[in-house]
Amino acid sequence: MYKEMLYNDLSTFLSLHFPFKVQKISINAGFTCPNRDGSIGYGGCTYCNNQTFNPAYCHTDKSVGQQLEEGKRFFSGKYPDMKYLAYFQAYTNTYGELEELKHKYEEALTVADVVGLVIGTRPDCMPDDLLDYLEELNKRIFVLIEYGIESTDDETLKRINRGHTFAQAEEAVVRTAQRGIPVGGHVILGLPGEEREALIRQAERLSRLPLTTLKLHQLQLIKGTRMASEYEKTPELFHLYSVDEYIDLVIDYIEHLRPDLVLERFVSQSPKELLIAPDWGVKNYEFTEKVKKRMRERNAWQGKYYKP
């Protein structure tokens, strides 16, 4: 089955949970990050500028409900029958007092046509009392917890000032999955020092975790980040992929992934005014079609080289 469909995509996964089309609406709920406020570190991850993925309606001076209503208006013209997942995306969305977190999640669920939650967070920010709550919530509404894993290599994690180890990511994924909650992971392909062979090993390590979904992004250099300054000083330490190189890397990676792992996306698009490199001028859906075409040419499919 997986060979015929090339890879296990998100729309197929969502169709198993919902009898209608669903769309994520990003929310900035006003959280910070323990890697910024001094709890773990300062300055955040070296690649991070949250402006790169916040839509125009995501402003902390607006309530969660207001942001969702504006997001609905943005999508409803094109898709009038769409339902929505509230996507708590910006910064660390489990970093706060339990009652404050519950209030924001439940405010999202009061908005008409919101049928579930996707909560982006760090592996070191999932206390047991919050997991207790999310486990109960998941019994009555769709919940997906998305952990920023970024790399399976502790040296890389240290280099990008991530503030946690891969062992912490493993533990968080396992603890969450044991509660029956779908778990997503996010990784960046092409971080400094991580070449193809290291990334193939990463795909194999991630496949051993009880992840439901996985999101891949190419490394992007963004204005105002520490990584952009590092690139300016030592560009020789970076390998910025051409679009064709990255397509082949993604396919190599996919071939080593567990075949039932749901692949959400392969690339990220940052605002042109913030992006330093690589600037491919390719939209997400165009990139996906290029991947599919190249997979057919290569007779490739998800899990082709996966070894349980």
Protein backbone atom coordinates (compact mmCIF):
# COMPACT_ATOMS: atom_id res chain seq x y z
CA MET A 1 0.00 0.00 0.00
CA TYR A 2 2.69 2.49 1.01
CA LYS A 3 4.69 1.89 -2.16
CA GLU A 4 1.68 2.74 -4.32
CA MET A 5 1.10 6.03 -2.51
CA LEU A 6 4.85 6.97 -2.44
CA TYR A 7 4.60 8.21 1.13
CA ASN A 8 2.09 8.38 3.98
CA ASP A 9 0.70 11.91 3.72
CA LEU A 10 -1.14 14.14 6.17
CA SER A 11 -4.41 14.40 4.25
CA THR A 12 -4.80 10.61 4.30
CA PHE A 13 -4.14 10.57 8.05
CA LEU A 14 -6.65 13.35 8.73
CA SER A 15 -9.30 11.60 6.63
CA LEU A 16 -9.10 8.69 9.10
CA HIS A 17 -10.01 11.06 11.95
CA PHE A 18 -12.47 13.46 10.31
CA PRO A 19 -15.31 12.96 7.80
CA PHE A 20 -14.65 16.49 6.45
CA LYS A 21 -11.73 18.64 5.35
CA VAL A 22 -9.73 20.30 8.13
CA GLN A 23 -7.24 23.16 8.07
CA LYS A 24 -4.78 24.30 10.74
CA ILE A 25 -5.07 27.88 11.96
CA SER A 26 -1.90 29.17 13.62
CA ILE A 27 -2.18 30.95 16.96
CA ASN A 28 0.27 33.06 18.91
CA ALA A 29 -1.05 32.59 22.45
CA GLY A 30 1.55 34.85 24.06
CA PHE A 31 3.86 32.19 25.42
CA THR A 32 7.61 32.58 25.71
CA CYS A 33 10.30 29.91 25.80
CA PRO A 34 12.51 28.61 28.63
CA ASN A 35 15.43 28.99 26.23
CA ARG A 36 14.74 32.72 26.06
CA ASP A 37 13.67 33.78 29.55
CA GLY A 38 16.67 32.33 31.39
CA SER A 39 14.97 29.23 32.76
CA ILE A 40 17.20 27.10 30.51
CA GLY A 41 19.08 29.74 28.53
CA TYR A 42 18.95 33.10 26.82
CA GLY A 43 18.68 34.12 23.20
CA GLY A 44 16.77 31.10 21.98
CA CYS A 45 17.84 28.65 19.29
CA THR A 46 20.40 30.13 16.91
CA TYR A 47 18.15 29.68 13.84
CA CYS A 48 14.93 30.99 15.41
CA ASN A 49 12.92 34.03 14.39
CA ASN A 50 9.24 33.40 15.13
CA GLN A 51 8.17 36.05 12.61
CA THR A 52 8.93 33.50 9.89
CA PHE A 53 5.85 31.39 10.60
CA ASN A 54 3.32 33.75 12.15
CA PRO A 55 0.53 34.78 9.77
CA ALA A 56 -0.69 38.38 9.83
CA TYR A 57 -3.59 37.59 12.17
CA CYS A 58 -1.26 36.10 14.84
CA HIS A 59 -0.77 38.94 17.31
CA THR A 60 -0.64 38.58 21.07
CA ASP A 61 -2.83 41.67 21.55
CA LYS A 62 -5.67 39.53 20.19
CA SER A 63 -7.25 36.71 22.16
CA VAL A 64 -7.00 33.10 21.05
CA GLY A 65 -10.63 33.30 19.95
CA GLN A 66 -10.08 36.48 17.92
CA GLN A 67 -7.09 34.99 16.12
CA LEU A 68 -9.07 31.89 15.25
CA GLU A 69 -12.03 33.90 13.93
CA GLU A 70 -9.68 35.96 11.73
CA GLY A 71 -8.00 32.79 10.54
CA LYS A 72 -11.37 31.29 9.67
CA ARG A 73 -12.26 34.37 7.62
CA PHE A 74 -8.94 34.03 5.79
CA PHE A 75 -9.70 30.46 4.71
CA SER A 76 -13.51 30.44 4.47
CA GLY A 77 -13.73 32.33 1.17
CA LYS A 78 -11.93 29.53 -0.62
CA TYR A 79 -13.20 26.64 1.51
CA PRO A 80 -16.64 27.49 2.95
CA ASP A 81 -17.24 24.00 4.39
CA MET A 82 -13.86 23.69 6.09
CA LYS A 83 -13.40 22.73 9.76
CA TYR A 84 -10.34 23.79 11.72
CA LEU A 85 -7.57 22.68 14.05
CA ALA A 86 -6.31 25.35 16.42
CA TYR A 87 -2.52 25.26 15.99
CA PHE A 88 -0.69 26.66 19.00
CA GLN A 89 2.51 27.28 17.08
CA ALA A 90 4.59 30.25 18.25
CA TYR A 91 7.23 29.55 20.92
CA THR A 92 6.56 26.92 23.62
CA ASN A 93 2.84 26.29 24.04
CA THR A 94 3.00 24.11 27.14
CA TYR A 95 5.21 26.53 29.06
CA GLY A 96 3.01 28.10 31.70
CA GLU A 97 0.79 27.43 34.68
CA LEU A 98 -1.63 24.55 34.15
CA GLU A 99 -4.78 26.64 34.61
CA GLU A 100 -3.53 29.28 32.18
CA LEU A 101 -2.79 26.59 29.59
CA LYS A 102 -6.18 24.92 30.06
CA HIS A 103 -7.94 28.27 29.68
CA LYS A 104 -6.26 28.99 26.35
CA TYR A 105 -6.80 25.52 24.92
CA GLU A 106 -10.44 25.49 25.96
CA GLU A 107 -11.02 29.01 24.62
CA ALA A 108 -9.91 27.68 21.24
CA LEU A 109 -12.38 24.81 21.47
CA THR A 110 -15.30 27.18 22.08
CA VAL A 111 -14.84 28.69 18.60
CA ALA A 112 -17.33 27.34 16.07
CA ASP A 113 -15.94 24.74 13.64
CA VAL A 114 -12.75 24.19 15.66
CA VAL A 115 -12.59 20.41 15.93
CA GLY A 116 -9.19 19.81 17.55
CA LEU A 117 -5.88 21.13 18.83
CA VAL A 118 -2.30 20.89 17.60
CA ILE A 119 0.13 22.04 20.29
CA GLY A 120 3.73 22.83 19.42
CA THR A 121 6.24 22.62 22.24
CA ARG A 122 9.68 21.54 23.46
CA PRO A 123 10.49 18.05 24.77
CA ASP A 124 11.55 19.50 28.12
CA CYS A 125 8.24 21.29 28.71
CA MET A 126 5.68 18.54 29.27
CA PRO A 127 4.96 18.07 33.00
CA ASP A 128 2.92 15.10 34.18
CA ASP A 129 -0.06 17.16 35.37
CA LEU A 130 -0.40 18.68 31.89
CA LEU A 131 -0.13 15.23 30.31
CA ASP A 132 -2.91 14.05 32.65
CA TYR A 133 -5.13 16.85 31.37
CA LEU A 134 -4.23 16.30 27.70
CA GLU A 135 -4.87 12.58 28.02
CA GLU A 136 -8.42 13.27 29.22
CA LEU A 137 -8.94 15.99 26.60
CA ASN A 138 -7.81 13.62 23.84
CA LYS A 139 -10.63 11.24 24.77
CA ARG A 140 -13.23 13.76 23.61
CA ILE A 141 -11.44 15.87 20.99
CA PHE A 142 -8.56 15.43 18.54
CA VAL A 143 -5.23 16.45 20.09
CA LEU A 144 -1.78 16.26 18.49
CA ILE A 145 1.35 17.25 20.43
CA GLU A 146 4.18 18.38 18.16
CA TYR A 147 7.67 18.33 19.66
CA GLY A 148 10.57 20.30 18.24
CA ILE A 149 13.23 17.60 18.05
CA GLU A 150 15.34 19.32 15.34
CA SER A 151 18.22 16.80 15.47
CA THR A 152 19.09 13.44 16.97
CA ASP A 153 22.72 14.51 17.50
CA ASP A 154 23.53 16.08 20.86
CA GLU A 155 26.51 17.98 19.47
CA THR A 156 24.26 19.62 16.89
CA LEU A 157 21.65 20.41 19.53
CA LYS A 158 24.33 22.08 21.64
CA ARG A 159 25.70 23.96 18.65
CA ILE A 160 22.29 25.47 17.82
CA ASN A 161 21.68 26.33 21.51
CA ARG A 162 18.65 24.09 21.64
CA GLY A 163 18.88 23.56 25.40
CA HIS A 164 17.84 19.90 25.51
CA THR A 165 19.26 16.54 24.50
CA PHE A 166 17.90 13.92 22.14
CA ALA A 167 17.34 11.63 25.14
CA GLN A 168 14.90 14.23 26.50
CA ALA A 169 13.10 14.25 23.15
CA GLU A 170 12.89 10.44 23.17
CA GLU A 171 11.47 10.47 26.70
CA ALA A 172 8.85 13.13 25.90
CA VAL A 173 7.67 11.31 22.77
CA VAL A 174 7.38 7.99 24.61
CA ARG A 175 5.62 9.49 27.66
CA THR A 176 3.08 11.23 25.44
CA ALA A 177 2.43 8.24 23.20
CA GLN A 178 1.91 6.04 26.27
CA ARG A 179 -1.07 8.25 27.14
CA GLY A 180 -2.68 7.45 23.79
CA ILE A 181 -2.04 10.97 22.44
CA PRO A 182 -0.84 11.31 18.82
CA VAL A 183 2.70 12.70 18.76
CA GLY A 184 4.38 14.76 16.06
CA GLY A 185 8.04 15.57 15.59
CA HIS A 186 9.79 18.43 13.83
CA VAL A 187 13.33 18.21 12.42
CA ILE A 188 15.54 20.53 10.37
CA LEU A 189 17.56 18.96 7.57
CA GLY A 190 20.92 20.51 6.75
CA LEU A 191 22.00 21.92 10.11
CA PRO A 192 25.74 22.70 10.23
CA GLY A 193 27.81 19.53 10.45
CA GLU A 194 24.99 17.16 9.46
CA GLU A 195 25.61 15.61 6.06
CA ARG A 196 23.62 12.95 4.20
CA GLU A 197 24.86 9.88 6.09
CA ALA A 198 24.18 11.47 9.47
CA LEU A 199 20.68 12.38 8.32
CA ILE A 200 19.98 8.83 7.12
CA ARG A 201 20.92 7.62 10.61
CA GLN A 202 18.60 10.29 12.00
CA ALA A 203 15.68 8.93 9.94
CA GLU A 204 16.38 5.45 11.29
CA ARG A 205 16.54 6.66 14.92
CA LEU A 206 13.32 8.64 14.61
CA SER A 207 11.59 5.62 13.09
CA ARG A 208 12.17 3.73 16.33
CA LEU A 209 10.19 6.31 18.30
CA PRO A 210 6.38 6.06 18.67
CA LEU A 211 5.84 9.16 16.53
CA THR A 212 2.57 9.53 14.64
CA THR A 213 3.64 12.41 12.39
CA LEU A 214 6.90 13.99 11.24
CA LYS A 215 7.56 17.39 9.76
CA LEU A 216 10.76 18.06 7.80
CA HIS A 217 12.12 21.52 7.05
CA GLN A 218 15.17 22.66 5.15
CA LEU A 219 17.68 24.82 6.97
CA GLN A 220 16.94 28.48 6.27
CA LEU A 221 19.06 31.44 7.27
CA ILE A 222 16.84 34.18 8.64
CA LYS A 223 17.71 37.81 9.25
CA GLY A 224 18.16 38.75 12.89
CA THR A 225 19.25 35.30 14.05
CA ARG A 226 22.54 34.22 15.55
CA MET A 227 22.91 31.60 12.85
CA ALA A 228 22.77 34.33 10.20
CA SER A 229 25.68 36.06 11.94
CA GLU A 230 27.60 32.76 12.09
CA TYR A 231 27.03 32.25 8.37
CA GLU A 232 28.31 35.74 7.60
CA LYS A 233 31.54 35.02 9.51
CA THR A 234 32.10 31.37 8.50
CA PRO A 235 30.05 30.49 5.41
CA GLU A 236 32.32 27.50 4.73
CA LEU A 237 30.76 25.68 7.71
CA PHE A 238 27.34 25.65 6.04
CA HIS A 239 25.98 23.62 3.15
CA LEU A 240 22.90 25.29 1.72
CA TYR A 241 21.17 22.87 -0.59
CA SER A 242 19.98 23.69 -4.08
CA VAL A 243 16.36 22.71 -4.62
CA ASP A 244 17.34 19.61 -6.63
CA GLU A 245 19.92 18.52 -4.03
CA TYR A 246 17.36 18.90 -1.29
CA ILE A 247 14.71 16.93 -3.21
CA ASP A 248 17.11 14.00 -3.48
CA LEU A 249 18.05 14.33 0.21
CA VAL A 250 14.38 14.27 1.23
CA ILE A 251 13.77 11.15 -0.86
CA ASP A 252 16.84 9.41 0.60
CA TYR A 253 15.49 10.29 4.05
CA ILE A 254 11.95 9.10 3.29
CA GLU A 255 13.23 5.77 2.01
CA HIS A 256 14.71 5.05 5.46
CA LEU A 257 11.64 6.07 7.47
CA ARG A 258 9.12 3.72 9.02
CA PRO A 259 6.40 3.35 6.35
CA ASP A 260 3.43 4.17 8.62
CA LEU A 261 4.93 7.45 9.84
CA VAL A 262 2.76 10.35 8.59
CA LEU A 263 4.81 12.97 6.73
CA GLU A 264 3.28 16.42 7.16
CA ARG A 265 5.60 18.49 5.00
CA PHE A 266 9.09 18.71 3.56
CA VAL A 267 9.84 22.42 3.40
CA SER A 268 9.14 25.71 5.11
CA GLN A 269 8.50 29.04 3.43
CA SER A 270 9.79 32.12 5.22
CA PRO A 271 8.78 35.68 4.33
CA LYS A 272 11.01 36.92 1.51
CA GLU A 273 11.95 40.05 3.45
CA LEU A 274 13.43 37.90 6.25
CA LEU A 275 15.01 35.11 4.22
CA ILE A 276 18.73 35.26 3.51
CA ALA A 277 19.15 31.82 1.90
CA PRO A 278 18.37 29.49 0.27
CA ASP A 279 15.80 31.33 -1.84
CA TRP A 280 14.39 28.71 -4.20
CA GLY A 281 11.29 30.59 -5.31
CA VAL A 282 9.28 27.35 -4.99
CA LYS A 283 6.00 27.14 -3.11
CA ASN A 284 5.35 24.25 -0.73
CA TYR A 285 2.87 22.48 -3.00
CA GLU A 286 5.22 22.89 -5.97
CA PHE A 287 8.04 21.33 -3.99
CA THR A 288 5.81 18.41 -2.98
CA GLU A 289 4.93 17.74 -6.62
CA LYS A 290 8.64 17.80 -7.53
CA VAL A 291 9.33 15.26 -4.78
CA LYS A 292 6.58 12.96 -6.03
CA LYS A 293 7.79 13.22 -9.64
CA ARG A 294 11.38 12.46 -8.62
CA MET A 295 10.24 9.55 -6.42
CA ARG A 296 8.50 7.98 -9.42
CA GLU A 297 11.61 8.49 -11.55
CA ARG A 298 13.76 6.84 -8.88
CA ASN A 299 11.24 4.08 -8.09
CA ALA A 300 11.35 5.32 -4.50
CA TRP A 301 8.82 4.96 -1.71
CA GLN A 302 8.64 5.57 2.02
CA GLY A 303 10.25 2.74 3.95
CA LYS A 304 12.02 1.23 0.93
CA TYR A 305 15.18 0.70 3.01
CA TYR A 306 13.55 0.68 6.44
CA LYS A 307 14.71 -2.14 8.71
CA PRO A 308 12.49 -2.73 11.79
